[in-house]
Protein backbone atom coordinates (compact mmCIF):
# COMPACT_ATOMS: atom_id res chain seq x y z
CA MET A 1 -52.22 192.23 -66.87
CA LYS A 2 -50.78 194.93 -69.11
CA LEU A 3 -47.16 194.90 -70.25
CA GLU A 4 -45.66 198.10 -71.63
CA LYS A 5 -42.15 198.25 -73.10
CA MET A 6 -40.03 201.36 -72.77
CA SER A 7 -36.59 200.01 -73.62
CA PRO A 8 -34.70 198.64 -71.76
CA ARG A 9 -37.56 198.46 -69.24
CA TYR A 10 -40.90 196.73 -69.11
CA PHE A 11 -43.75 197.88 -66.89
CA LEU A 12 -46.18 195.17 -65.86
CA GLU A 13 -49.45 196.38 -64.35
CA ASP A 14 -52.22 194.47 -62.61
CA ILE A 15 -49.89 191.80 -61.28
CA PRO A 16 -50.96 189.36 -58.55
CA TYR A 17 -50.35 191.78 -55.69
CA ASN A 18 -51.09 189.80 -52.58
CA ARG A 19 -47.76 189.53 -50.81
CA TYR A 20 -48.60 185.93 -49.87
CA SER A 21 -49.62 184.94 -53.38
CA GLN A 22 -48.17 181.68 -54.64
CA GLU A 23 -48.87 183.01 -58.15
CA LEU A 24 -46.55 185.98 -57.48
CA PHE A 25 -43.77 183.64 -56.33
CA ASP A 26 -44.27 181.34 -59.33
CA PHE A 27 -44.20 184.43 -61.55
CA LEU A 28 -40.90 185.70 -60.12
CA PHE A 29 -39.25 182.29 -60.32
CA CYS A 30 -39.72 182.38 -64.10
CA PHE A 31 -36.75 184.77 -64.32
CA PRO A 32 -33.67 182.86 -63.13
CA GLU A 33 -32.07 180.10 -65.16
CA LYS A 34 -30.60 177.06 -63.36
CA ASP A 35 -27.24 178.82 -62.84
CA GLU A 36 -28.81 182.08 -61.63
CA VAL A 37 -30.10 183.32 -58.28
CA PHE A 38 -32.06 186.23 -56.85
CA LEU A 39 -30.27 188.86 -54.85
CA PHE A 40 -32.66 191.10 -52.94
CA SER A 41 -31.79 194.54 -51.68
CA PHE A 42 -32.37 195.55 -48.09
CA TYR A 43 -31.89 199.19 -47.11
CA GLU A 44 -29.33 198.84 -44.34
CA GLU A 45 -30.58 201.87 -42.45
CA ASN A 46 -33.68 199.82 -41.54
CA PHE A 47 -31.76 196.83 -40.19
CA ASN A 48 -31.95 197.85 -36.52
CA VAL A 49 -35.75 198.17 -36.54
CA MET A 50 -36.30 194.62 -37.80
CA ASP A 51 -37.16 191.79 -35.40
CA ASP A 52 -34.35 189.44 -34.38
CA GLU A 53 -35.66 186.56 -36.49
CA TYR A 54 -35.56 188.61 -39.71
CA LYS A 55 -32.15 190.07 -38.81
CA LYS A 56 -30.81 186.52 -38.50
CA PHE A 57 -32.47 185.59 -41.82
CA LEU A 58 -30.73 188.54 -43.51
CA GLU A 59 -27.35 187.93 -41.88
CA GLU A 60 -27.33 184.25 -42.92
CA ARG A 61 -28.06 185.15 -46.55
CA THR A 62 -26.04 188.35 -47.01
CA VAL A 63 -23.72 188.17 -50.01
CA PHE A 64 -22.35 191.74 -50.00
CA PHE A 65 -23.06 195.40 -49.29
CA SER A 66 -23.19 198.12 -51.93
CA ASP A 67 -24.18 201.75 -52.41
CA GLU A 68 -24.84 201.31 -56.14
CA TRP A 69 -28.16 202.88 -57.21
CA LEU A 70 -30.35 200.48 -59.21
CA TYR A 71 -33.78 201.93 -58.59
CA ASN A 72 -35.96 202.97 -61.52
CA VAL A 73 -35.99 206.61 -60.39
CA GLU A 74 -33.14 209.11 -60.45
CA SER A 75 -30.98 209.15 -57.32
CA TYR A 76 -30.67 212.96 -57.25
CA GLY A 77 -27.45 212.49 -55.31
CA ARG A 78 -29.02 210.27 -52.66
CA ARG A 79 -26.95 207.38 -51.42
CA SER A 80 -28.48 204.07 -50.59
CA PHE A 81 -26.33 201.63 -48.63
CA ASN A 82 -27.89 198.24 -49.23
CA ARG A 83 -27.37 194.75 -47.99
CA TRP A 84 -27.74 192.28 -50.87
CA PHE A 85 -28.92 188.86 -49.80
CA ILE A 86 -29.65 185.65 -51.65
CA VAL A 87 -33.15 184.19 -52.02
CA LEU A 88 -33.00 180.57 -53.13
CA ASP A 89 -36.55 179.29 -52.89
CA LYS A 90 -40.19 180.30 -52.58
CA GLU A 91 -40.07 180.03 -48.79
CA ASP A 92 -37.26 182.62 -48.67
CA MET A 93 -39.19 184.71 -51.20
CA ALA A 94 -42.33 184.66 -49.04
CA LYS A 95 -40.40 185.72 -45.95
CA THR A 96 -38.68 188.50 -47.89
CA ILE A 97 -41.81 189.91 -49.53
CA GLU A 98 -43.72 189.67 -46.25
CA GLN A 99 -41.20 192.14 -44.81
CA GLU A 100 -40.78 194.35 -47.87
CA PHE A 101 -43.47 194.21 -50.54
CA TRP A 102 -42.00 197.19 -52.45
CA PHE A 103 -38.82 195.25 -53.20
CA LEU A 104 -35.80 195.58 -55.48
CA CYS A 105 -33.96 192.48 -56.64
CA VAL A 106 -31.60 191.33 -59.35
CA VAL A 107 -31.11 188.03 -61.14
CA VAL A 108 -27.43 187.10 -61.41
CA LYS A 109 -25.34 184.05 -62.11
CA LYS A 110 -24.25 182.36 -58.87
CA GLY A 111 -21.31 184.36 -57.57
CA GLY A 112 -22.05 187.25 -59.96
CA SER A 113 -22.06 190.97 -59.23
CA LEU A 114 -24.73 193.64 -59.64
CA GLN A 115 -23.13 194.71 -62.92
CA ASP A 116 -23.70 191.19 -64.28
CA ALA A 117 -27.44 191.16 -63.51
CA SER A 118 -29.54 189.77 -66.32
CA TYR A 119 -32.58 191.47 -64.76
CA VAL A 120 -33.32 194.20 -62.26
CA ILE A 121 -36.83 193.76 -60.88
CA GLU A 122 -38.53 196.41 -58.79
CA MET A 123 -42.00 196.40 -57.28
CA GLY A 124 -43.39 199.90 -57.59
CA ASP A 125 -46.73 201.59 -57.36
CA TYR A 126 -48.67 203.44 -60.03
CA GLU A 127 -52.39 203.28 -59.36
CA GLY A 128 -51.67 199.82 -57.94
CA PRO A 129 -48.71 197.44 -57.86
CA LEU A 130 -46.41 197.72 -60.85
CA LEU A 131 -43.50 195.43 -61.62
CA ILE A 132 -40.62 197.26 -63.33
CA ILE A 133 -38.31 194.90 -65.19
CA THR A 134 -35.01 196.01 -66.69
CA GLU A 135 -33.26 193.50 -68.91
CA LYS A 136 -29.56 193.33 -69.71
CA ASN A 137 -29.97 191.73 -73.13
CA GLU A 138 -32.66 193.35 -75.23
CA GLY A 139 -35.48 191.00 -76.14
CA ASP A 140 -34.52 188.36 -73.56
CA PHE A 141 -37.56 189.04 -71.40
CA LEU A 142 -40.02 188.65 -74.30
CA THR A 143 -38.44 185.51 -75.72
CA ARG A 144 -37.25 183.65 -72.62
CA VAL A 145 -39.24 184.79 -69.57
CA LEU A 146 -42.64 185.96 -70.78
CA PRO A 147 -43.65 182.56 -72.22
CA LYS A 148 -42.91 180.95 -68.83
CA ILE A 149 -44.91 183.63 -67.02
CA GLN A 150 -47.89 183.08 -69.31
CA GLU A 151 -47.89 179.42 -68.25
CA VAL A 152 -48.05 180.16 -64.51
CA VAL A 153 -50.38 183.16 -64.20
CA SER A 154 -54.13 182.90 -64.41
CA GLN A 155 -54.57 186.24 -66.22
CA ASN A 156 -53.80 187.03 -69.85
CA ILE A 157 -50.93 189.42 -70.46
CA GLU A 158 -51.75 192.19 -72.92
CA ILE A 159 -48.73 193.83 -74.56
CA VAL A 160 -49.49 197.53 -75.12
CA GLN A 161 -47.71 200.41 -76.76
CA PRO A 162 -46.30 203.17 -74.50
CA GLY A 163 -49.03 205.51 -73.33
CA GLN A 164 -51.99 203.16 -74.01
């Protein structure tokens, strides 16, 4: 895996990209502390095309709705009305990523808002899956999360300079 820092973001290439990968779930669960949770974004416009089981899953876990733009790309005036729902465990994570592999999520303290997110994590694509990580507190990812990730992934993580 290659990790490139372009403050305040990190771009992690060559991640375990199988949407059913236990390694991917272990990797993501390195981010939250004990008092933090994942909130995943679901583009509300797609709600009516989902099967009833997934609709129920979303409804039971919905925390709030928001049109705040958190994606890594410019909004260019687009609005995105999203349902934000809580993911508490790897089973919820698997169900979520099975439905939406190109996901956007935040890590917040329980009961926190989007503005309080310690991390914004987005699965993108650049010649393969790319995890885009934005940290609230500079250096937190490298000192607190990366060592945990290195313990759970089977690949080495190479830190590279921008453009390498």
